[in-house]
């Protein structure tokens, strides 16, 4: 994703034009004030941030779910 740096004074009068560029060209912009970055405008990407979506694909098949796991990893059991 291409990123451009612009000042607040450049961004303000042309905000709609910059937002169209973000939407159509998938470019991002860093907005600065006095030469320091203050905001970043990036294309929106819808993601599924639910807990189930984050866990999807992370569970490994386990044949004996009631058997102890990692007994050799506990210092107190040695």
Protein backbone atom coordinates (compact mmCIF):
# COMPACT_ATOMS: atom_id res chain seq x y z
CA UNK A 1 0.00 0.00 0.00
CA UNK A 2 1.46 3.32 -1.07
CA UNK A 3 1.64 6.07 1.54
CA UNK A 4 1.87 9.85 1.08
CA UNK A 5 2.73 12.52 3.66
CA UNK A 6 0.69 15.74 3.59
CA UNK A 7 0.28 18.68 5.95
CA UNK A 8 -2.98 19.55 7.69
CA UNK A 9 -3.17 22.74 5.66
CA UNK A 10 -2.97 20.71 2.41
CA UNK A 11 -5.46 18.12 3.63
CA UNK A 12 -8.19 20.40 4.98
CA UNK A 13 -9.33 22.18 1.78
CA UNK A 14 -9.15 18.98 -0.29
CA UNK A 15 -10.33 16.37 2.21
CA UNK A 16 -12.99 14.91 -0.12
CA UNK A 17 -10.47 14.52 -2.93
CA UNK A 18 -8.01 12.76 -0.62
CA UNK A 19 -10.74 10.46 0.69
CA UNK A 20 -11.68 9.50 -2.87
CA UNK A 21 -8.04 8.63 -3.53
CA UNK A 22 -7.96 6.48 -0.40
CA UNK A 23 -11.15 4.72 -1.47
CA UNK A 24 -10.43 4.22 -5.17
CA UNK A 25 -6.64 3.86 -5.32
CA UNK A 26 -6.16 2.21 -1.90
CA UNK A 27 -3.46 4.76 -0.99
CA UNK A 28 -2.85 5.84 2.59
CA UNK A 29 -1.95 9.33 3.85
CA UNK A 30 -0.02 10.50 6.89
CA UNK A 31 -1.21 13.93 7.97
CA UNK A 32 1.36 16.15 9.67
CA UNK A 33 1.31 19.27 11.82
CA UNK A 34 4.53 21.28 12.04
CA UNK A 35 6.29 18.41 10.29
CA UNK A 36 5.24 15.78 12.86
CA UNK A 37 2.80 12.96 12.04
CA UNK A 38 -0.56 13.38 13.80
CA UNK A 39 -2.94 11.08 11.89
CA UNK A 40 -3.01 8.35 9.30
CA UNK A 41 -5.84 7.84 6.81
CA UNK A 42 -5.93 4.28 5.46
CA UNK A 43 -8.38 2.35 3.29
CA UNK A 44 -11.03 0.58 5.34
CA UNK A 45 -10.77 -3.20 5.40
CA UNK A 46 -13.57 -5.08 7.06
CA UNK A 47 -12.30 -7.81 9.33
CA UNK A 48 -14.03 -10.31 11.54
CA UNK A 49 -12.61 -9.46 14.98
CA UNK A 50 -14.90 -11.73 16.96
CA UNK A 51 -13.31 -14.09 19.46
CA UNK A 52 -14.41 -17.12 17.46
CA UNK A 53 -12.89 -15.75 14.27
CA UNK A 54 -9.54 -15.18 15.98
CA UNK A 55 -9.55 -18.76 17.29
CA UNK A 56 -10.72 -20.34 14.04
CA UNK A 57 -8.09 -22.75 12.78
CA UNK A 58 -6.02 -22.62 15.97
CA UNK A 59 -7.44 -25.70 17.71
CA UNK A 60 -5.54 -28.91 17.09
CA UNK A 61 -7.26 -32.26 17.11
CA UNK A 62 -6.70 -33.94 20.44
CA UNK A 63 -7.58 -37.63 20.74
CA UNK A 64 -7.64 -37.88 24.55
CA UNK A 65 -8.92 -34.56 25.89
CA UNK A 66 -9.05 -35.78 29.50
CA UNK A 67 -5.46 -37.02 29.70
CA UNK A 68 -2.92 -34.75 31.48
CA UNK A 69 -0.93 -32.46 29.21
CA UNK A 70 2.61 -31.18 29.72
CA UNK A 71 3.39 -33.01 32.96
CA UNK A 72 7.09 -33.01 32.05
CA UNK A 73 7.00 -29.20 31.80
CA UNK A 74 6.17 -28.54 35.48
CA UNK A 75 9.22 -28.07 37.73
CA UNK A 76 7.18 -28.85 40.87
CA UNK A 77 6.32 -32.33 39.61
CA UNK A 78 9.98 -33.35 39.14
